[in-house]
Amino acid sequence: MTIPDSVSIPEWAQGRPGMGQGGYSAFHFGRIIGEVWAGEHYAVVAFEGRWSRGWDGRKKGAGACLFDESGELVARSDSLWVAHRSASSCSPTT
């Protein structure tokens, strides 16, 4: 459920000062609540997670829920993503 989490961050810091494109997951928590079976149909809903809405510096929360065909929640995840710094914001130290 890590990839569905990141779907809730479509802009991935594009155009934000000091940030490059893309990022990485700094924290990820998942919980299986019900039975999940291969070959069955499920719906995935991605959202901004439990952290504050919007960006906090280079950090942004995200989450995802997995629902079975009857609409029951069977799994959920929360994660914290960090955007890469842009090359122009990184200066070599001497």
PDB file of N, CA and C in Angstrom:
ATOM      1  N   MET A   1       0.809  -1.186   0.000  1.00  0.00           N
ATOM      2  CA  MET A   1       0.000   0.000   0.000  1.00  0.00           C
ATOM      3  C   MET A   1       0.862   1.264   0.000  1.00  0.00           C
ATOM      4  N   THR A   2       2.175   1.126  -0.150  1.00  0.00           N
ATOM      5  CA  THR A   2       3.038   2.300  -0.208  1.00  0.00           C
ATOM      6  C   THR A   2       2.781   3.118  -1.461  1.00  0.00           C
ATOM      7  N   ILE A   3       2.657   2.486  -2.599  1.00  0.00           N
ATOM      8  CA  ILE A   3       2.453   3.217  -3.847  1.00  0.00           C
ATOM      9  C   ILE A   3       1.118   3.956  -3.852  1.00  0.00           C
ATOM     10  N   PRO A   4      -0.007   3.352  -3.421  1.00  0.00           N
ATOM     11  CA  PRO A   4      -1.234   4.150  -3.365  1.00  0.00           C
ATOM     12  C   PRO A   4      -1.109   5.376  -2.471  1.00  0.00           C
ATOM     13  N   ASP A   5      -0.328   5.275  -1.380  1.00  0.00           N
ATOM     14  CA  ASP A   5      -0.093   6.440  -0.530  1.00  0.00           C
ATOM     15  C   ASP A   5       0.453   7.602  -1.340  1.00  0.00           C
ATOM     16  N   SER A   6       1.454   7.317  -2.157  1.00  0.00           N
ATOM     17  CA  SER A   6       2.140   8.389  -2.880  1.00  0.00           C
ATOM     18  C   SER A   6       1.250   9.035  -3.945  1.00  0.00           C
ATOM     19  N   VAL A   7       0.175   8.353  -4.344  1.00  0.00           N
ATOM     20  CA  VAL A   7      -0.742   8.918  -5.336  1.00  0.00           C
ATOM     21  C   VAL A   7      -1.400  10.185  -4.796  1.00  0.00           C
ATOM     22  N   SER A   8      -1.522  10.292  -3.477  1.00  0.00           N
ATOM     23  CA  SER A   8      -2.141  11.480  -2.898  1.00  0.00           C
ATOM     24  C   SER A   8      -1.208  12.684  -2.911  1.00  0.00           C
ATOM     25  N   ILE A   9      -0.018  12.524  -3.475  1.00  0.00           N
ATOM     26  CA  ILE A   9       0.944  13.623  -3.589  1.00  0.00           C
ATOM     27  C   ILE A   9       1.281  13.809  -5.069  1.00  0.00           C
ATOM     28  N   PRO A  10       0.310  14.163  -5.910  1.00  0.00           N
ATOM     29  CA  PRO A  10       0.548  14.202  -7.355  1.00  0.00           C
ATOM     30  C   PRO A  10       1.538  15.267  -7.789  1.00  0.00           C
ATOM     31  N   GLU A  11       1.597  16.378  -7.070  1.00  0.00           N
ATOM     32  CA  GLU A  11       2.489  17.449  -7.484  1.00  0.00           C
ATOM     33  C   GLU A  11       3.938  17.163  -7.143  1.00  0.00           C
ATOM     34  N   TRP A  12       4.191  16.299  -6.203  1.00  0.00           N
ATOM     35  CA  TRP A  12       5.522  15.922  -5.743  1.00  0.00           C
ATOM     36  C   TRP A  12       6.507  17.083  -5.770  1.00  0.00           C
ATOM     37  N   ALA A  13       6.069  18.160  -5.200  1.00  0.00           N
ATOM     38  CA  ALA A  13       6.935  19.313  -4.948  1.00  0.00           C
ATOM     39  C   ALA A  13       7.362  20.064  -6.198  1.00  0.00           C
ATOM     40  N   GLN A  14       6.773  19.781  -7.337  1.00  0.00           N
ATOM     41  CA  GLN A  14       7.151  20.494  -8.550  1.00  0.00           C
ATOM     42  C   GLN A  14       6.845  21.974  -8.384  1.00  0.00           C
ATOM     43  N   GLY A  15       7.823  22.801  -8.667  1.00  0.00           N
ATOM     44  CA  GLY A  15       7.638  24.237  -8.588  1.00  0.00           C
ATOM     45  C   GLY A  15       7.772  24.806  -7.190  1.00  0.00           C
ATOM     46  N   ARG A  16       8.020  23.977  -6.186  1.00  0.00           N
ATOM     47  CA  ARG A  16       8.211  24.484  -4.828  1.00  0.00           C
ATOM     48  C   ARG A  16       9.676  24.846  -4.643  1.00  0.00           C
ATOM     49  N   PRO A  17       9.963  26.026  -4.107  1.00  0.00           N
ATOM     50  CA  PRO A  17      11.350  26.473  -3.952  1.00  0.00           C
ATOM     51  C   PRO A  17      12.184  25.492  -3.136  1.00  0.00           C
ATOM     52  N   GLY A  18      13.358  25.173  -3.637  1.00  0.00           N
ATOM     53  CA  GLY A  18      14.288  24.311  -2.923  1.00  0.00           C
ATOM     54  C   GLY A  18      14.001  22.833  -2.987  1.00  0.00           C
ATOM     55  N   MET A  19      12.965  22.420  -3.741  1.00  0.00           N
ATOM     56  CA  MET A  19      12.625  21.006  -3.810  1.00  0.00           C
ATOM     57  C   MET A  19      12.770  20.471  -5.220  1.00  0.00           C
ATOM     58  N   GLY A  20      13.264  19.245  -5.319  1.00  0.00           N
ATOM     59  CA  GLY A  20      13.349  18.573  -6.603  1.00  0.00           C
ATOM     60  C   GLY A  20      12.095  17.742  -6.824  1.00  0.00           C
ATOM     61  N   GLN A  21      12.097  16.954  -7.866  1.00  0.00           N
ATOM     62  CA  GLN A  21      10.953  16.086  -8.153  1.00  0.00           C
ATOM     63  C   GLN A  21      11.114  14.762  -7.430  1.00  0.00           C
ATOM     64  N   GLY A  22       9.997  14.215  -7.011  1.00  0.00           N
ATOM     65  CA  GLY A  22      10.003  12.911  -6.360  1.00  0.00           C
ATOM     66  C   GLY A  22      10.371  13.009  -4.894  1.00  0.00           C
ATOM     67  N   GLY A  23      10.400  11.862  -4.244  1.00  0.00           N
ATOM     68  CA  GLY A  23      10.721  11.817  -2.835  1.00  0.00           C
ATOM     69  C   GLY A  23      10.822  10.388  -2.361  1.00  0.00           C
ATOM     70  N   TYR A  24      10.824  10.219  -1.050  1.00  0.00           N
ATOM     71  CA  TYR A  24      10.944   8.875  -0.489  1.00  0.00           C
ATOM     72  C   TYR A  24      10.076   8.780   0.759  1.00  0.00           C
ATOM     73  N   SER A  25       9.734   7.564   1.119  1.00  0.00           N
ATOM     74  CA  SER A  25       8.925   7.314   2.302  1.00  0.00           C
ATOM     75  C   SER A  25       9.846   7.238   3.513  1.00  0.00           C
ATOM     76  N   ALA A  26       9.635   8.136   4.473  1.00  0.00           N
ATOM     77  CA  ALA A  26      10.449   8.147   5.690  1.00  0.00           C
ATOM     78  C   ALA A  26       9.832   7.278   6.783  1.00  0.00           C
ATOM     79  N   PHE A  27       8.523   7.068   6.709  1.00  0.00           N
ATOM     80  CA  PHE A  27       7.798   6.285   7.702  1.00  0.00           C
ATOM     81  C   PHE A  27       6.619   5.633   7.007  1.00  0.00           C
ATOM     82  N   HIS A  28       6.377   4.380   7.316  1.00  0.00           N
ATOM     83  CA  HIS A  28       5.232   3.702   6.722  1.00  0.00           C
ATOM     84  C   HIS A  28       4.655   2.724   7.742  1.00  0.00           C
ATOM     85  N   PHE A  29       3.348   2.798   7.926  1.00  0.00           N
ATOM     86  CA  PHE A  29       2.646   1.905   8.837  1.00  0.00           C
ATOM     87  C   PHE A  29       1.452   1.316   8.108  1.00  0.00           C
ATOM     88  N   GLY A  30       1.298   0.015   8.146  1.00  0.00           N
ATOM     89  CA  GLY A  30       0.159  -0.635   7.516  1.00  0.00           C
ATOM     90  C   GLY A  30      -0.549  -1.545   8.507  1.00  0.00           C
ATOM     91  N   ARG A  31      -1.851  -1.685   8.311  1.00  0.00           N
ATOM     92  CA  ARG A  31      -2.631  -2.553   9.195  1.00  0.00           C
ATOM     93  C   ARG A  31      -3.643  -3.329   8.365  1.00  0.00           C
ATOM     94  N   ILE A  32      -3.610  -4.647   8.485  1.00  0.00           N
ATOM     95  CA  ILE A  32      -4.600  -5.493   7.823  1.00  0.00           C
ATOM     96  C   ILE A  32      -5.731  -5.708   8.823  1.00  0.00           C
ATOM     97  N   ILE A  33      -6.929  -5.308   8.422  1.00  0.00           N
ATOM     98  CA  ILE A  33      -8.082  -5.339   9.314  1.00  0.00           C
ATOM     99  C   ILE A  33      -8.983  -6.539   9.018  1.00  0.00           C
ATOM    100  N   GLY A  34      -9.077  -6.890   7.752  1.00  0.00           N
ATOM    101  CA  GLY A  34      -9.914  -8.014   7.340  1.00  0.00           C
ATOM    102  C   GLY A  34      -9.140  -8.942   6.418  1.00  0.00           C
ATOM    103  N   GLU A  35      -9.826  -9.870   5.825  1.00  0.00           N
ATOM    104  CA  GLU A  35      -9.179 -10.821   4.925  1.00  0.00           C
ATOM    105  C   GLU A  35      -8.963 -10.196   3.548  1.00  0.00           C
ATOM    106  N   VAL A  36      -7.775 -10.400   2.996  1.00  0.00           N
ATOM    107  CA  VAL A  36      -7.419  -9.911   1.661  1.00  0.00           C
ATOM    108  C   VAL A  36      -6.950 -11.117   0.859  1.00  0.00           C
ATOM    109  N   TRP A  37      -7.611 -11.354  -0.289  1.00  0.00           N
ATOM    110  CA  TRP A  37      -7.325 -12.537  -1.091  1.00  0.00           C
ATOM    111  C   TRP A  37      -6.915 -12.153  -2.504  1.00  0.00           C
ATOM    112  N   ALA A  38      -5.936 -12.857  -3.042  1.00  0.00           N
ATOM    113  CA  ALA A  38      -5.530 -12.659  -4.438  1.00  0.00           C
ATOM    114  C   ALA A  38      -6.692 -13.021  -5.350  1.00  0.00           C
ATOM    115  N   GLY A  39      -6.855 -12.264  -6.427  1.00  0.00           N
ATOM    116  CA  GLY A  39      -7.899 -12.542  -7.401  1.00  0.00           C
ATOM    117  C   GLY A  39      -9.232 -11.878  -7.105  1.00  0.00           C
ATOM    118  N   GLU A  40      -9.388 -11.285  -5.928  1.00  0.00           N
ATOM    119  CA  GLU A  40     -10.625 -10.592  -5.580  1.00  0.00           C
ATOM    120  C   GLU A  40     -10.538  -9.133  -6.013  1.00  0.00           C
ATOM    121  N   HIS A  41     -11.678  -8.450  -6.075  1.00  0.00           N
ATOM    122  CA  HIS A  41     -11.717  -7.043  -6.459  1.00  0.00           C
ATOM    123  C   HIS A  41     -11.758  -6.160  -5.219  1.00  0.00           C
ATOM    124  N   TYR A  42     -10.930  -5.107  -5.243  1.00  0.00           N
ATOM    125  CA  TYR A  42     -10.848  -4.171  -4.131  1.00  0.00           C
ATOM    126  C   TYR A  42     -10.820  -2.751  -4.676  1.00  0.00           C
ATOM    127  N   ALA A  43     -11.154  -1.790  -3.836  1.00  0.00           N
ATOM    128  CA  ALA A  43     -11.044  -0.368  -4.181  1.00  0.00           C
ATOM    129  C   ALA A  43     -10.004   0.257  -3.257  1.00  0.00           C
ATOM    130  N   VAL A  44      -9.128   1.076  -3.835  1.00  0.00           N
ATOM    131  CA  VAL A  44      -8.097   1.780  -3.066  1.00  0.00           C
ATOM    132  C   VAL A  44      -8.439   3.264  -3.061  1.00  0.00           C
ATOM    133  N   VAL A  45      -8.416   3.861  -1.874  1.00  0.00           N
ATOM    134  CA  VAL A  45      -8.637   5.296  -1.733  1.00  0.00           C
ATOM    135  C   VAL A  45      -7.395   5.891  -1.080  1.00  0.00           C
ATOM    136  N   ALA A  46      -6.757   6.869  -1.763  1.00  0.00           N
ATOM    137  CA  ALA A  46      -5.570   7.530  -1.221  1.00  0.00           C
ATOM    138  C   ALA A  46      -5.973   8.888  -0.655  1.00  0.00           C
ATOM    139  N   PHE A  47      -5.303   9.304   0.416  1.00  0.00           N
ATOM    140  CA  PHE A  47      -5.622  10.574   1.060  1.00  0.00           C
ATOM    141  C   PHE A  47      -4.365  11.163   1.695  1.00  0.00           C
ATOM    142  N   GLU A  48      -4.486  12.315   2.331  1.00  0.00           N
ATOM    143  CA  GLU A  48      -3.315  13.009   2.860  1.00  0.00           C
ATOM    144  C   GLU A  48      -2.786  12.463   4.175  1.00  0.00           C
ATOM    145  N   GLY A  49      -3.367  11.464   4.727  1.00  0.00           N
ATOM    146  CA  GLY A  49      -2.841  10.839   5.932  1.00  0.00           C
ATOM    147  C   GLY A  49      -3.161  11.605   7.202  1.00  0.00           C
ATOM    148  N   ARG A  50      -2.500  11.209   8.296  1.00  0.00           N
ATOM    149  CA  ARG A  50      -2.785  11.790   9.607  1.00  0.00           C
ATOM    150  C   ARG A  50      -2.004  13.063   9.889  1.00  0.00           C
ATOM    151  N   TRP A  51      -1.009  13.359   9.091  1.00  0.00           N
ATOM    152  CA  TRP A  51      -0.206  14.553   9.336  1.00  0.00           C
ATOM    153  C   TRP A  51      -0.941  15.789   8.864  1.00  0.00           C
ATOM    154  N   SER A  52      -0.404  16.953   9.198  1.00  0.00           N
ATOM    155  CA  SER A  52      -1.076  18.202   8.827  1.00  0.00           C
ATOM    156  C   SER A  52      -1.271  18.275   7.316  1.00  0.00           C
ATOM    157  N   ARG A  53      -2.356  18.906   6.922  1.00  0.00           N
ATOM    158  CA  ARG A  53      -2.647  19.056   5.500  1.00  0.00           C
ATOM    159  C   ARG A  53      -1.614  19.974   4.872  1.00  0.00           C
ATOM    160  N   GLY A  54      -1.321  19.721   3.618  1.00  0.00           N
ATOM    161  CA  GLY A  54      -0.340  20.534   2.909  1.00  0.00           C
ATOM    162  C   GLY A  54       1.077  20.119   3.262  1.00  0.00           C
ATOM    163  N   TRP A  55       1.997  20.904   2.837  1.00  0.00           N
ATOM    164  CA  TRP A  55       3.414  20.616   3.046  1.00  0.00           C
ATOM    165  C   TRP A  55       3.892  21.207   4.363  1.00  0.00           C
ATOM    166  N   ASP A  56       4.769  20.490   5.046  1.00  0.00           N
ATOM    167  CA  ASP A  56       5.467  20.970   6.237  1.00  0.00           C
ATOM    168  C   ASP A  56       6.944  20.927   5.879  1.00  0.00           C
ATOM    169  N   GLY A  57       7.448  22.038   5.313  1.00  0.00           N
ATOM    170  CA  GLY A  57       8.809  22.014   4.765  1.00  0.00           C
ATOM    171  C   GLY A  57       8.827  21.084   3.570  1.00  0.00           C
ATOM    172  N   ARG A  58       9.670  20.043   3.627  1.00  0.00           N
ATOM    173  CA  ARG A  58       9.723  19.049   2.546  1.00  0.00           C
ATOM    174  C   ARG A  58       8.903  17.809   2.878  1.00  0.00           C
ATOM    175  N   LYS A  59       8.193  17.803   4.008  1.00  0.00           N
ATOM    176  CA  LYS A  59       7.439  16.629   4.454  1.00  0.00           C
ATOM    177  C   LYS A  59       5.957  16.756   4.123  1.00  0.00           C
ATOM    178  N   LYS A  60       5.356  15.600   3.836  1.00  0.00           N
ATOM    179  CA  LYS A  60       3.914  15.559   3.582  1.00  0.00           C
ATOM    180  C   LYS A  60       3.398  14.182   3.969  1.00  0.00           C
ATOM    181  N   GLY A  61       2.269  14.158   4.654  1.00  0.00           N
ATOM    182  CA  GLY A  61       1.656  12.894   5.035  1.00  0.00           C
ATOM    183  C   GLY A  61       0.819  12.322   3.906  1.00  0.00           C
ATOM    184  N   ALA A  62       0.605  11.016   3.948  1.00  0.00           N
ATOM    185  CA  ALA A  62      -0.219  10.338   2.957  1.00  0.00           C
ATOM    186  C   ALA A  62      -0.787   9.069   3.587  1.00  0.00           C
ATOM    187  N   GLY A  63      -1.841   8.558   2.986  1.00  0.00           N
ATOM    188  CA  GLY A  63      -2.428   7.331   3.484  1.00  0.00           C
ATOM    189  C   GLY A  63      -3.252   6.660   2.404  1.00  0.00           C
ATOM    190  N   ALA A  64      -3.654   5.429   2.668  1.00  0.00           N
ATOM    191  CA  ALA A  64      -4.499   4.696   1.727  1.00  0.00           C
ATOM    192  C   ALA A  64      -5.363   3.712   2.504  1.00  0.00           C
ATOM    193  N   CYS A  65      -6.549   3.463   1.976  1.00  0.00           N
ATOM    194  CA  CYS A  65      -7.452   2.462   2.541  1.00  0.00           C
ATOM    195  C   CYS A  65      -7.834   1.485   1.440  1.00  0.00           C
ATOM    196  N   LEU A  66      -8.009   0.246   1.811  1.00  0.00           N
ATOM    197  CA  LEU A  66      -8.404  -0.800   0.879  1.00  0.00           C
ATOM    198  C   LEU A  66      -9.769  -1.331   1.315  1.00  0.00           C
ATOM    199  N   PHE A  67     -10.730  -1.292   0.389  1.00  0.00           N
ATOM    200  CA  PHE A  67     -12.091  -1.745   0.674  1.00  0.00           C
ATOM    201  C   PHE A  67     -12.420  -2.953  -0.192  1.00  0.00           C
ATOM    202  N   ASP A  68     -13.147  -3.920   0.381  1.00  0.00           N
ATOM    203  CA  ASP A  68     -13.572  -5.071  -0.415  1.00  0.00           C
ATOM    204  C   ASP A  68     -14.826  -4.709  -1.212  1.00  0.00           C
ATOM    205  N   GLU A  69     -15.338  -5.678  -1.966  1.00  0.00           N
ATOM    206  CA  GLU A  69     -16.499  -5.415  -2.846  1.00  0.00           C
ATOM    207  C   GLU A  69     -17.762  -5.003  -2.085  1.00  0.00           C
ATOM    208  N   SER A  70     -17.869  -5.402  -0.838  1.00  0.00           N
ATOM    209  CA  SER A  70     -19.052  -5.017  -0.047  1.00  0.00           C
ATOM    210  C   SER A  70     -18.875  -3.655   0.618  1.00  0.00           C
ATOM    211  N   GLY A  71     -17.699  -3.030   0.443  1.00  0.00           N
ATOM    212  CA  GLY A  71     -17.447  -1.714   1.017  1.00  0.00           C
ATOM    213  C   GLY A  71     -16.805  -1.745   2.392  1.00  0.00           C
ATOM    214  N   GLU A  72     -16.449  -2.942   2.874  1.00  0.00           N
ATOM    215  CA  GLU A  72     -15.818  -3.062   4.183  1.00  0.00           C
ATOM    216  C   GLU A  72     -14.331  -2.712   4.087  1.00  0.00           C
ATOM    217  N   LEU A  73     -13.845  -1.962   5.071  1.00  0.00           N
ATOM    218  CA  LEU A  73     -12.423  -1.633   5.145  1.00  0.00           C
ATOM    219  C   LEU A  73     -11.645  -2.882   5.531  1.00  0.00           C
ATOM    220  N   VAL A  74     -10.659  -3.278   4.713  1.00  0.00           N
ATOM    221  CA  VAL A  74      -9.888  -4.493   5.007  1.00  0.00           C
ATOM    222  C   VAL A  74      -8.414  -4.199   5.282  1.00  0.00           C
ATOM    223  N   ALA A  75      -7.929  -3.009   4.891  1.00  0.00           N
ATOM    224  CA  ALA A  75      -6.542  -2.646   5.179  1.00  0.00           C
ATOM    225  C   ALA A  75      -6.394  -1.132   5.073  1.00  0.00           C
ATOM    226  N   ARG A  76      -5.403  -0.586   5.799  1.00  0.00           N
ATOM    227  CA  ARG A  76      -5.133   0.839   5.714  1.00  0.00           C
ATOM    228  C   ARG A  76      -3.645   1.079   5.939  1.00  0.00           C
ATOM    229  N   SER A  77      -3.177   2.216   5.487  1.00  0.00           N
ATOM    230  CA  SER A  77      -1.773   2.563   5.705  1.00  0.00           C
ATOM    231  C   SER A  77      -1.647   4.067   5.905  1.00  0.00           C
ATOM    232  N   ASP A  78      -0.618   4.454   6.622  1.00  0.00           N
ATOM    233  CA  ASP A  78      -0.245   5.851   6.813  1.00  0.00           C
ATOM    234  C   ASP A  78       1.246   5.943   6.551  1.00  0.00           C
ATOM    235  N   SER A  79       1.656   7.039   5.954  1.00  0.00           N
ATOM    236  CA  SER A  79       3.082   7.207   5.696  1.00  0.00           C
ATOM    237  C   SER A  79       3.460   8.676   5.730  1.00  0.00           C
ATOM    238  N   LEU A  80       4.737   8.913   5.887  1.00  0.00           N
ATOM    239  CA  LEU A  80       5.292  10.260   5.839  1.00  0.00           C
ATOM    240  C   LEU A  80       6.308  10.280   4.712  1.00  0.00           C
ATOM    241  N   TRP A  81       6.122  11.182   3.764  1.00  0.00           N
ATOM    242  CA  TRP A  81       6.977  11.289   2.593  1.00  0.00           C
ATOM    243  C   TRP A  81       7.829  12.548   2.686  1.00  0.00           C
ATOM    244  N   VAL A  82       9.037  12.474   2.168  1.00  0.00           N
ATOM    245  CA  VAL A  82       9.953  13.609   2.156  1.00  0.00           C
ATOM    246  C   VAL A  82      10.372  13.864   0.719  1.00  0.00           C
ATOM    247  N   ALA A  83      10.185  15.105   0.260  1.00  0.00           N
ATOM    248  CA  ALA A  83      10.581  15.465  -1.106  1.00  0.00           C
ATOM    249  C   ALA A  83      12.096  15.617  -1.183  1.00  0.00           C
ATOM    250  N   HIS A  84      12.653  15.240  -2.326  1.00  0.00           N
ATOM    251  CA  HIS A  84      14.086  15.443  -2.556  1.00  0.00           C
ATOM    252  C   HIS A  84      14.386  16.933  -2.602  1.00  0.00           C
ATOM    253  N   ARG A  85      15.604  17.313  -2.215  1.00  0.00           N
ATOM    254  CA  ARG A  85      16.025  18.692  -2.387  1.00  0.00           C
ATOM    255  C   ARG A  85      16.406  18.898  -3.834  1.00  0.00           C
ATOM    256  N   SER A  86      16.210  20.103  -4.310  1.00  0.00           N
ATOM    257  CA  SER A  86      16.626  20.388  -5.693  1.00  0.00           C
ATOM    258  C   SER A  86      18.149  20.516  -5.727  1.00  0.00           C
ATOM    259  N   ALA A  87      18.735  20.249  -6.872  1.00  0.00           N
ATOM    260  CA  ALA A  87      20.181  20.336  -7.025  1.00  0.00           C
ATOM    261  C   ALA A  87      20.662  21.750  -6.731  1.00  0.00           C
ATOM    262  N   SER A  88      19.870  22.753  -7.056  1.00  0.00           N
ATOM    263  CA  SER A  88      20.290  24.144  -6.837  1.00  0.00           C
ATOM    264  C   SER A  88      20.286  24.515  -5.361  1.00  0.00           C
ATOM    265  N   SER A  89      19.536  23.769  -4.524  1.00  0.00           N
ATOM    266  CA  SER A  89      19.507  24.096  -3.101  1.00  0.00           C
ATOM    267  C   SER A  89      20.616  23.396  -2.328  1.00  0.00           C
ATOM    268  N   CYS A  90      21.341  22.498  -2.972  1.00  0.00           N
ATOM    269  CA  CYS A  90      22.435  21.785  -2.340  1.00  0.00           C
ATOM    270  C   CYS A  90      23.751  22.412  -2.761  1.00  0.00           C
ATOM    271  N   SER A  91      24.464  22.955  -1.828  1.00  0.00           N
ATOM    272  CA  SER A  91      25.764  23.531  -2.186  1.00  0.00           C
ATOM    273  C   SER A  91      26.848  22.750  -1.461  1.00  0.00           C
ATOM    274  N   PRO A  92      27.951  22.496  -2.148  1.00  0.00           N
ATOM    275  CA  PRO A  92      29.032  21.740  -1.500  1.00  0.00           C
ATOM    276  C   PRO A  92      29.648  22.552  -0.365  1.00  0.00           C
ATOM    277  N   THR A  93      29.986  21.858   0.698  1.00  0.00           N
ATOM    278  CA  THR A  93      30.649  22.543   1.814  1.00  0.00           C
ATOM    279  C   THR A  93      32.145  22.415   1.643  1.00  0.00           C
ATOM    280  N   THR A  94      32.839  23.429   2.053  1.00  0.00           N
ATOM    281  CA  THR A  94      34.299  23.401   1.912  1.00  0.00           C
ATOM    282  C   THR A  94      34.984  23.360   3.241  1.00  0.00           C
TER     283      THR A  94
END
